[in-house]
Amino acid sequence: MPDFHDLEWKKKVTDVKGCMYGKQHFPWPMAARDMAFHVTGVQDYKNKALISVSKSINVGEKYYEYEIESPP
């Protein structure tokens, strides 16, 4: 994900599933913003690859027992 930086696990369920916080720099019209999202995927350890699907999460929602905070 080259347009993302400062990725941080907030709640890691497995090596490829959890809640992450990240900053991104997508081009207009998406604009730069901070995001919290749920990510899940399949990790290929041999080829050092990850196929993932992510969905944004709103502030105040719960992911397992972790409550999504406002971005810093």
N, C-alpha and C. Protein backbone atom coordinates (compact mmCIF):
# COMPACT_ATOMS: atom_id res chain seq x y z
N MET A 1 0.84 -1.17 0.00
CA MET A 1 0.00 0.00 0.00
C MET A 1 0.89 1.24 0.00
N PRO A 2 1.43 1.64 -1.13
CA PRO A 2 2.38 2.75 -1.15
C PRO A 2 1.80 4.10 -0.75
N ASP A 3 0.49 4.28 -0.88
CA ASP A 3 -0.11 5.56 -0.51
C ASP A 3 -0.39 5.67 0.98
N PHE A 4 -0.17 4.59 1.73
CA PHE A 4 -0.35 4.60 3.18
C PHE A 4 1.00 4.75 3.87
N HIS A 5 1.02 5.44 4.99
CA HIS A 5 2.22 5.51 5.84
C HIS A 5 1.76 5.54 7.29
N ASP A 6 2.65 5.28 8.19
CA ASP A 6 2.35 5.23 9.63
C ASP A 6 1.25 4.23 9.95
N LEU A 7 1.29 3.05 9.34
CA LEU A 7 0.32 2.01 9.67
C LEU A 7 0.62 1.45 11.05
N GLU A 8 -0.43 1.23 11.84
CA GLU A 8 -0.26 0.74 13.21
C GLU A 8 -1.42 -0.17 13.56
N TRP A 9 -1.11 -1.38 14.08
CA TRP A 9 -2.16 -2.27 14.56
C TRP A 9 -2.76 -1.68 15.83
N LYS A 10 -4.08 -1.59 15.92
CA LYS A 10 -4.76 -1.18 17.14
C LYS A 10 -5.28 -2.40 17.88
N LYS A 11 -5.78 -3.37 17.14
CA LYS A 11 -6.25 -4.63 17.73
C LYS A 11 -5.91 -5.72 16.73
N LYS A 12 -4.93 -6.54 17.04
CA LYS A 12 -4.51 -7.61 16.14
C LYS A 12 -5.14 -8.91 16.61
N VAL A 13 -5.95 -9.52 15.74
CA VAL A 13 -6.63 -10.77 16.08
C VAL A 13 -5.78 -11.95 15.65
N THR A 14 -5.25 -11.91 14.43
CA THR A 14 -4.30 -12.90 13.91
C THR A 14 -3.24 -12.13 13.12
N ASP A 15 -2.31 -12.84 12.48
CA ASP A 15 -1.29 -12.17 11.68
C ASP A 15 -1.88 -11.41 10.50
N VAL A 16 -3.08 -11.79 10.07
CA VAL A 16 -3.68 -11.17 8.88
C VAL A 16 -5.09 -10.65 9.12
N LYS A 17 -5.47 -10.45 10.38
CA LYS A 17 -6.80 -9.93 10.68
C LYS A 17 -6.72 -9.02 11.89
N GLY A 18 -7.32 -7.85 11.77
CA GLY A 18 -7.33 -6.95 12.89
C GLY A 18 -7.81 -5.56 12.51
N CYS A 19 -7.61 -4.64 13.43
CA CYS A 19 -7.99 -3.25 13.24
C CYS A 19 -6.70 -2.43 13.16
N MET A 20 -6.59 -1.63 12.09
CA MET A 20 -5.39 -0.82 11.89
C MET A 20 -5.75 0.66 11.81
N TYR A 21 -4.76 1.48 12.14
CA TYR A 21 -4.87 2.93 11.97
C TYR A 21 -3.78 3.31 10.97
N GLY A 22 -4.10 4.16 10.04
CA GLY A 22 -3.11 4.58 9.07
C GLY A 22 -3.38 5.96 8.51
N LYS A 23 -2.33 6.58 8.03
CA LYS A 23 -2.45 7.86 7.33
C LYS A 23 -2.23 7.56 5.86
N GLN A 24 -2.94 8.27 5.01
CA GLN A 24 -2.81 8.02 3.58
C GLN A 24 -2.70 9.30 2.80
N HIS A 25 -2.14 9.19 1.61
CA HIS A 25 -1.98 10.32 0.70
C HIS A 25 -2.50 9.93 -0.67
N PHE A 26 -3.79 9.71 -0.79
CA PHE A 26 -4.38 9.42 -2.08
C PHE A 26 -4.56 10.71 -2.86
N PRO A 27 -4.55 10.63 -4.18
CA PRO A 27 -4.76 11.84 -4.98
C PRO A 27 -6.20 12.33 -4.86
N TRP A 28 -6.42 13.59 -5.25
CA TRP A 28 -7.75 14.15 -5.28
C TRP A 28 -8.63 13.27 -6.16
N PRO A 29 -9.88 12.98 -5.88
CA PRO A 29 -10.75 13.67 -4.94
C PRO A 29 -10.77 13.05 -3.55
N MET A 30 -9.99 12.00 -3.30
CA MET A 30 -10.04 11.36 -1.99
C MET A 30 -9.32 12.18 -0.92
N ALA A 31 -8.29 12.92 -1.30
CA ALA A 31 -7.54 13.79 -0.40
C ALA A 31 -6.85 13.03 0.72
N ALA A 32 -5.89 13.67 1.35
CA ALA A 32 -5.14 13.05 2.45
C ALA A 32 -5.99 13.06 3.71
N ARG A 33 -6.01 11.94 4.41
CA ARG A 33 -6.76 11.87 5.66
C ARG A 33 -6.28 10.68 6.47
N ASP A 34 -6.64 10.65 7.74
CA ASP A 34 -6.32 9.53 8.64
C ASP A 34 -7.50 8.58 8.62
N MET A 35 -7.21 7.29 8.75
CA MET A 35 -8.27 6.28 8.66
C MET A 35 -8.07 5.19 9.69
N ALA A 36 -9.17 4.65 10.19
CA ALA A 36 -9.16 3.43 10.98
C ALA A 36 -9.92 2.41 10.16
N PHE A 37 -9.39 1.19 10.02
CA PHE A 37 -10.06 0.21 9.20
C PHE A 37 -9.82 -1.20 9.68
N HIS A 38 -10.77 -2.07 9.34
CA HIS A 38 -10.70 -3.50 9.61
C HIS A 38 -10.05 -4.13 8.40
N VAL A 39 -9.03 -4.93 8.62
CA VAL A 39 -8.34 -5.60 7.52
C VAL A 39 -8.30 -7.09 7.78
N THR A 40 -8.52 -7.87 6.74
CA THR A 40 -8.39 -9.32 6.82
C THR A 40 -7.81 -9.80 5.51
N GLY A 41 -7.10 -10.91 5.54
CA GLY A 41 -6.49 -11.37 4.30
C GLY A 41 -5.82 -12.72 4.45
N VAL A 42 -5.02 -13.03 3.44
CA VAL A 42 -4.28 -14.29 3.39
C VAL A 42 -2.82 -13.93 3.22
N GLN A 43 -1.97 -14.51 4.05
CA GLN A 43 -0.54 -14.22 3.98
C GLN A 43 0.19 -15.38 3.35
N ASP A 44 1.05 -15.07 2.37
CA ASP A 44 1.90 -16.05 1.70
C ASP A 44 3.31 -15.86 2.24
N TYR A 45 3.68 -16.68 3.22
CA TYR A 45 4.97 -16.53 3.88
C TYR A 45 6.13 -16.84 2.94
N LYS A 46 5.96 -17.81 2.05
CA LYS A 46 7.03 -18.20 1.12
C LYS A 46 7.40 -17.05 0.18
N ASN A 47 6.41 -16.39 -0.40
CA ASN A 47 6.66 -15.30 -1.34
C ASN A 47 6.62 -13.92 -0.69
N LYS A 48 6.42 -13.88 0.62
CA LYS A 48 6.36 -12.62 1.38
C LYS A 48 5.31 -11.68 0.78
N ALA A 49 4.10 -12.20 0.65
CA ALA A 49 3.02 -11.42 0.05
C ALA A 49 1.79 -11.48 0.95
N LEU A 50 0.90 -10.50 0.78
CA LEU A 50 -0.34 -10.44 1.54
C LEU A 50 -1.44 -9.96 0.60
N ILE A 51 -2.50 -10.72 0.55
CA ILE A 51 -3.70 -10.30 -0.17
C ILE A 51 -4.71 -9.92 0.90
N SER A 52 -5.19 -8.68 0.84
CA SER A 52 -6.07 -8.23 1.92
C SER A 52 -7.29 -7.49 1.39
N VAL A 53 -8.30 -7.46 2.24
CA VAL A 53 -9.52 -6.69 2.01
C VAL A 53 -9.70 -5.82 3.24
N SER A 54 -9.98 -4.54 3.03
CA SER A 54 -10.15 -3.66 4.19
C SER A 54 -11.43 -2.86 4.07
N LYS A 55 -11.94 -2.45 5.22
CA LYS A 55 -13.17 -1.66 5.30
C LYS A 55 -12.99 -0.64 6.40
N SER A 56 -13.33 0.61 6.15
CA SER A 56 -13.16 1.64 7.18
C SER A 56 -14.14 1.40 8.33
N ILE A 57 -13.76 1.89 9.51
CA ILE A 57 -14.56 1.76 10.72
C ILE A 57 -14.78 3.16 11.28
N ASN A 58 -15.97 3.44 11.72
CA ASN A 58 -16.30 4.76 12.26
C ASN A 58 -15.85 4.91 13.71
N VAL A 59 -15.49 6.12 14.09
CA VAL A 59 -15.11 6.44 15.46
C VAL A 59 -16.27 6.06 16.39
N GLY A 60 -15.97 5.42 17.50
CA GLY A 60 -16.98 5.02 18.47
C GLY A 60 -17.47 3.58 18.30
N GLU A 61 -17.27 2.99 17.10
CA GLU A 61 -17.66 1.60 16.90
C GLU A 61 -16.69 0.70 17.65
N LYS A 62 -17.11 -0.52 17.94
CA LYS A 62 -16.25 -1.48 18.62
C LYS A 62 -15.77 -2.54 17.64
N TYR A 63 -14.51 -2.90 17.76
CA TYR A 63 -13.91 -4.01 17.01
C TYR A 63 -13.43 -4.98 18.06
N TYR A 64 -14.15 -6.09 18.22
CA TYR A 64 -13.95 -6.99 19.36
C TYR A 64 -14.10 -6.13 20.60
N GLU A 65 -13.12 -6.10 21.53
CA GLU A 65 -13.30 -5.24 22.71
C GLU A 65 -12.65 -3.87 22.55
N TYR A 66 -12.04 -3.59 21.40
CA TYR A 66 -11.38 -2.30 21.17
C TYR A 66 -12.37 -1.28 20.61
N GLU A 67 -12.48 -0.12 21.26
CA GLU A 67 -13.36 0.95 20.76
C GLU A 67 -12.54 1.90 19.89
N ILE A 68 -13.02 2.16 18.68
CA ILE A 68 -12.30 3.00 17.72
C ILE A 68 -12.22 4.42 18.24
N GLU A 69 -10.99 4.96 18.30
CA GLU A 69 -10.74 6.30 18.80
C GLU A 69 -10.65 7.29 17.64
N SER A 70 -10.76 8.57 17.94
CA SER A 70 -10.52 9.60 16.94
C SER A 70 -9.04 9.58 16.58
N PRO A 71 -8.72 9.81 15.29
CA PRO A 71 -7.30 9.86 14.90
C PRO A 71 -6.58 10.99 15.64
N PRO A 72 -5.29 10.75 15.94
CA PRO A 72 -4.52 11.80 16.65
C PRO A 72 -4.33 13.04 15.82
